[in-house]
Structure formats: C-alpha cells, structure tokens
Amino acid sequence: MDNLMKEAALYEKIDKDRVRCNLCAHHCVITDGKLGVCHVRKNLNGTLFTLVYGRTISQHVDPIEKKPLYHFYPGTSSYSIATSGCNFRCRWCQNWDIAQMPREHGLISGSEASPEQIVSGALASGCRSIAYTYTEPTIFFEYAYNTARLAHEAGIANVYVTNGYMTSDMLEAFHPYLDAANVDLKAFREKTYHRYVGAGLKPVLESMKVMKRLGIWLEVTTLVIPG
C-alpha cells in the first residue's frame, strides 16, 4: 500500500464491499477496488482511502486578489496549494491538466509535503493565509483540514477556492479552521451545470448558505465566457 494513502473522513460503510462517500454532493457509492467521481478516493476492502494526502501538484505564493478574494486581507500574499483531482469536469477548466490528471491518465502525481511543511513554507514566505486552490480542495479534505488546523496555531488564516459542491457535513467539520471562501459559481441554470460540469446547481447554492450561517467570509466569482 502506498505510504501516502490515508483513510478518508466522512464516509460510511453500506455493506462488506460498498462505501458511501459523504464529502461532496455526489455522495458516491463506491464498490471494492473502485474510485469515486473525483478519482482520488478509493475503496479497498471496504475502507475508503484518499490517494492525495500530502502530495501537492502545485505550491505557489499568490496575491490574495488572485484567488480571487478582494475583501479578505487585501494586499497580502497567500500560500497556495493543490493536489491533483476534481469532482467536476468543467469543459472550460483553466487547470484541466492537473484537475483531470487522475481521471484522464490514471495518475496521482505531485511532490510530498506534510501539513507541517506547508505551514512552514507559508511562514517563511511571509504569507497571511494558506489557500487551498487551483483544483478542488474538497477532494483533498483530510490534507487541507490537518494543514488548516496547524495554520491557525501559527496565526495563519485559511482560504478555500472552491466549486461549492461539498456537503454540509464537510463544512461543519472544517469551519472552525476555515476563515474565507471564494465559490466559483459556474452558471445559474441546472441544465448548464449538468451539461458542462457534470453536477448540479442546487448543492452549490446550499453550500453558500451554510458558509454564511457558519460565519465563513464568502465571496462569489462567475466566469463569463463570450460566445
């Protein structure tokens, strides 16, 4: 077994061979040996594992406005990390090569970096926050959660740049350490979501309501594509 594999959080066993992932709104039912929609969560003998824990596909220092967050610590830098994988399949994705790598090529790539190393990197870079970004941070929840907890202990804020397709259970679990989020609202019609994204609009809207209720600073982005 890969030494970076870690038992997943927020799942339930249905029977001997099947588990249900309750991390995102797909609620994937995964049989033994199979992967969820994100292709980075795998059922092995009735236990669900995350395949991307501690494995970053990208680490950069970005202006917080690039996330984009315009009213959360403006003028500061954010230590930005991602793993490969995503629970959406947006046809216009700007990070398709890393987001769809597990699905398209069956690859889980990246450099090993522990939560402690991420926080140390953020401190050394003088960053006010750590952003979980580029792909979809919900699918690397365990890694983000442990990093975020250590970040708060070090006085660093945590930012989610997300498609918003998570469950309320995930937000309830993460919110003590999640300070701000930018939700990328892909469209405002269900049929557009189903046709171009492979998901639905309603869970995204519900997630934004939950974020507001939990006191997470929320900004919303919509990409406008001419044509």
Protein backbone atom coordinates (compact mmCIF):
# COMPACT_ATOMS: atom_id res chain seq x y z
CA MET A 1 0.00 0.00 0.00
CA ASP A 2 1.24 3.49 -0.88
CA ASN A 3 2.67 5.10 2.26
CA LEU A 4 0.85 8.34 1.40
CA MET A 5 -2.57 6.66 1.40
CA LYS A 6 -4.68 7.67 4.35
CA GLU A 7 -8.11 6.50 5.46
CA ALA A 8 -10.69 9.01 4.32
CA ALA A 9 -13.00 11.00 6.53
CA LEU A 10 -16.75 11.44 6.11
CA TYR A 11 -17.75 8.10 4.65
CA GLU A 12 -19.96 5.23 5.73
CA LYS A 13 -19.92 1.52 5.09
CA ILE A 14 -23.01 0.24 3.29
CA ASP A 15 -22.08 -3.45 3.30
CA LYS A 16 -18.97 -5.62 3.04
CA ASP A 17 -17.95 -4.31 -0.37
CA ARG A 18 -19.54 -0.87 -0.71
CA VAL A 19 -18.99 2.50 0.95
CA ARG A 20 -20.69 5.87 0.51
CA CYS A 21 -18.51 8.99 0.44
CA ASN A 22 -20.23 11.91 2.16
CA LEU A 23 -17.59 14.51 1.41
CA CYS A 24 -19.19 16.10 -1.64
CA ALA A 25 -22.68 16.26 -3.06
CA HIS A 26 -22.10 13.39 -5.49
CA HIS A 27 -22.40 11.02 -2.49
CA CYS A 28 -20.55 8.36 -4.50
CA VAL A 29 -21.34 4.74 -3.70
CA ILE A 30 -18.01 3.01 -4.34
CA THR A 31 -17.53 -0.73 -4.65
CA ASP A 32 -14.36 -2.56 -3.62
CA GLY A 33 -11.40 -1.60 -5.79
CA LYS A 34 -13.19 1.32 -7.45
CA LEU A 35 -12.81 5.11 -7.33
CA GLY A 36 -15.22 7.96 -6.71
CA VAL A 37 -16.08 10.62 -9.29
CA CYS A 38 -13.01 12.60 -8.24
CA HIS A 39 -10.74 9.59 -8.94
CA VAL A 40 -8.69 10.29 -5.81
CA ARG A 41 -10.78 8.36 -3.25
CA LYS A 42 -10.66 4.58 -3.44
CA ASN A 43 -12.45 1.72 -1.72
CA LEU A 44 -10.01 -1.00 -0.68
CA ASN A 45 -11.62 -3.96 1.08
CA GLY A 46 -14.43 -1.85 2.47
CA THR A 47 -12.26 1.05 3.67
CA LEU A 48 -12.22 4.36 1.81
CA PHE A 49 -8.81 5.94 1.27
CA THR A 50 -7.67 9.33 0.00
CA LEU A 51 -4.89 8.93 -2.56
CA VAL A 52 -3.61 12.51 -2.48
CA TYR A 53 -2.80 13.12 1.18
CA GLY A 54 0.47 15.03 1.48
CA ARG A 55 1.03 15.11 -2.27
CA THR A 56 0.96 18.61 -3.78
CA ILE A 57 0.72 19.12 -7.51
CA SER A 58 1.26 22.86 -7.06
CA GLN A 59 2.69 25.26 -4.46
CA HIS A 60 2.89 28.99 -5.17
CA VAL A 61 2.81 32.34 -3.41
CA ASP A 62 -0.02 34.41 -4.89
CA PRO A 63 -1.57 37.78 -4.15
CA ILE A 64 -4.82 37.13 -2.26
CA GLU A 65 -6.61 39.04 -5.02
CA LYS A 66 -5.62 36.30 -7.50
CA LYS A 67 -7.72 33.73 -5.63
CA PRO A 68 -9.76 35.98 -6.16
CA LEU A 69 -10.62 37.49 -2.77
CA TYR A 70 -10.86 41.27 -2.78
CA HIS A 71 -12.12 41.99 0.74
CA PHE A 72 -10.21 39.45 2.84
CA TYR A 73 -6.78 40.69 3.93
CA PRO A 74 -6.33 42.76 0.74
CA GLY A 75 -2.76 43.44 -0.29
CA THR A 76 -1.41 40.29 1.37
CA SER A 77 0.07 37.09 -0.04
CA SER A 78 -1.47 33.63 0.16
CA TYR A 79 0.50 30.39 0.14
CA SER A 80 -1.46 28.42 -2.46
CA ILE A 81 -1.52 24.63 -2.68
CA ALA A 82 -3.36 21.94 -4.61
CA THR A 83 -3.40 18.23 -5.21
CA SER A 84 -4.48 16.57 -8.45
CA GLY A 85 -8.14 15.65 -8.94
CA CYS A 86 -11.55 17.30 -9.04
CA ASN A 87 -15.20 16.34 -8.55
CA PHE A 88 -16.26 18.50 -11.53
CA ARG A 89 -15.42 18.20 -15.21
CA CYS A 90 -15.83 21.77 -16.47
CA ARG A 91 -15.25 21.98 -20.21
CA TRP A 92 -13.60 25.41 -19.81
CA CYS A 93 -11.37 24.46 -16.87
CA GLN A 94 -8.20 26.57 -16.70
CA ASN A 95 -6.36 23.85 -14.75
CA TRP A 96 -7.60 20.83 -16.69
CA ASP A 97 -4.16 19.20 -16.86
CA ILE A 98 -3.84 18.84 -13.09
CA ALA A 99 -7.54 18.68 -12.16
CA GLN A 100 -8.30 15.83 -14.56
CA MET A 101 -4.97 14.01 -14.39
CA PRO A 102 -6.31 11.11 -12.28
CA ARG A 103 -9.42 10.73 -14.45
CA GLU A 104 -7.76 11.17 -17.87
CA HIS A 105 -4.47 9.39 -17.27
CA GLY A 106 -4.91 7.39 -14.06
CA LEU A 107 -2.06 9.35 -12.46
CA ILE A 108 -1.73 10.67 -8.92
CA SER A 109 1.24 12.97 -9.27
CA GLY A 110 2.88 15.60 -7.09
CA SER A 111 5.57 16.27 -4.53
CA GLU A 112 5.43 15.03 -0.97
CA ALA A 113 4.76 17.80 1.54
CA SER A 114 3.42 17.31 5.03
CA PRO A 115 0.97 19.77 6.64
CA GLU A 116 3.85 20.93 8.83
CA GLN A 117 5.97 21.66 5.76
CA ILE A 118 3.16 23.63 4.13
CA VAL A 119 2.72 25.81 7.20
CA SER A 120 6.50 26.31 7.47
CA GLY A 121 6.56 27.35 3.83
CA ALA A 122 3.79 29.86 4.39
CA LEU A 123 5.58 31.35 7.39
CA ALA A 124 8.90 31.54 5.55
CA SER A 125 7.19 33.30 2.64
CA GLY A 126 5.54 35.88 4.90
CA CYS A 127 2.04 34.80 3.83
CA ARG A 128 -1.01 35.89 5.81
CA SER A 129 -3.04 32.92 4.61
CA ILE A 130 -2.93 29.48 3.04
CA ALA A 131 -5.23 28.96 0.06
CA TYR A 132 -6.49 25.55 -0.97
CA THR A 133 -7.00 26.24 -4.63
CA TYR A 134 -6.25 25.51 -8.34
CA THR A 135 -8.14 22.18 -8.33
CA GLU A 136 -10.99 21.41 -5.89
CA PRO A 137 -9.93 21.45 -2.23
CA THR A 138 -12.94 19.43 -1.10
CA ILE A 139 -11.42 16.31 -2.64
CA PHE A 140 -8.26 16.69 -0.52
CA PHE A 141 -10.23 17.46 2.64
CA GLU A 142 -8.09 15.43 5.05
CA TYR A 143 -4.87 17.08 3.90
CA ALA A 144 -6.41 20.56 3.90
CA TYR A 145 -8.01 20.03 7.32
CA ASN A 146 -4.79 18.97 9.04
CA THR A 147 -2.88 21.79 7.37
CA ALA A 148 -5.54 24.35 8.30
CA ARG A 149 -5.51 23.29 11.94
CA LEU A 150 -1.75 23.81 12.15
CA ALA A 151 -2.04 27.08 10.23
CA HIS A 152 -4.40 28.50 12.83
CA GLU A 153 -2.00 27.50 15.59
CA ALA A 154 0.66 29.51 13.73
CA GLY A 155 -1.63 32.54 13.27
CA ILE A 156 -2.26 31.94 9.56
CA ALA A 157 -5.72 32.20 8.02
CA ASN A 158 -7.22 29.55 5.70
CA VAL A 159 -8.95 30.14 2.37
CA TYR A 160 -10.96 27.75 0.19
CA VAL A 161 -11.23 28.45 -3.54
CA THR A 162 -13.96 26.00 -4.41
CA ASN A 163 -16.76 24.94 -6.73
CA GLY A 164 -19.00 24.73 -3.66
CA TYR A 165 -20.10 21.15 -4.31
CA MET A 166 -19.43 19.90 -0.80
CA THR A 167 -21.79 18.57 1.85
CA SER A 168 -22.91 20.46 4.91
CA ASP A 169 -21.14 17.76 6.99
CA MET A 170 -17.85 18.69 5.36
CA LEU A 171 -18.38 22.40 6.06
CA GLU A 172 -19.45 21.75 9.65
CA ALA A 173 -16.26 19.74 10.20
CA PHE A 174 -13.93 22.26 8.56
CA HIS A 175 -15.45 25.56 9.63
CA PRO A 176 -13.52 26.03 12.92
CA TYR A 177 -10.40 26.46 10.77
CA LEU A 178 -11.87 27.91 7.56
CA ASP A 179 -11.79 31.70 7.51
CA ALA A 180 -12.83 32.58 3.96
CA ALA A 181 -14.03 31.02 0.74
CA ASN A 182 -14.44 32.04 -2.85
CA VAL A 183 -17.10 29.98 -4.59
CA ASP A 184 -16.79 29.72 -8.36
CA LEU A 185 -20.42 29.78 -9.47
CA LYS A 186 -20.30 28.18 -12.93
CA ALA A 187 -23.79 29.21 -14.05
CA PHE A 188 -27.27 29.80 -12.68
CA ARG A 189 -29.17 27.08 -14.53
CA GLU A 190 -29.35 23.41 -13.62
CA LYS A 191 -29.14 22.29 -17.24
CA THR A 192 -25.89 24.22 -17.74
CA TYR A 193 -24.35 22.53 -14.72
CA HIS A 194 -25.45 19.09 -15.86
CA ARG A 195 -24.32 19.62 -19.46
CA TYR A 196 -20.97 21.32 -18.96
CA VAL A 197 -19.89 20.45 -15.42
CA GLY A 198 -21.33 17.03 -14.63
CA ALA A 199 -23.03 18.16 -11.43
CA GLY A 200 -25.96 20.22 -10.18
CA LEU A 201 -26.52 23.83 -9.14
CA LYS A 202 -28.69 23.31 -6.05
CA PRO A 203 -25.97 21.85 -3.77
CA VAL A 204 -23.69 24.81 -4.62
CA LEU A 205 -26.32 27.32 -3.59
CA GLU A 206 -26.96 25.37 -0.41
CA SER A 207 -23.24 25.34 0.43
CA MET A 208 -23.09 29.13 0.18
CA LYS A 209 -25.99 29.41 2.62
CA VAL A 210 -24.22 27.09 5.04
CA MET A 211 -20.99 29.09 4.75
CA LYS A 212 -22.82 32.28 5.65
CA ARG A 213 -24.55 30.59 8.58
CA LEU A 214 -21.23 29.31 9.91
CA GLY A 215 -19.63 32.75 9.68
CA ILE A 216 -17.15 31.94 6.88
CA TRP A 217 -16.26 35.03 4.85
CA LEU A 218 -17.76 34.41 1.41
CA GLU A 219 -17.08 35.93 -2.00
CA VAL A 220 -18.52 34.60 -5.27
CA THR A 221 -16.94 34.51 -8.72
CA THR A 222 -18.60 33.77 -12.06
CA LEU A 223 -16.50 33.25 -15.18
CA VAL A 224 -18.02 35.00 -18.20
CA ILE A 225 -17.28 33.23 -21.49
CA PRO A 226 -18.16 35.23 -24.63
CA GLY A 227 -19.88 33.48 -27.50
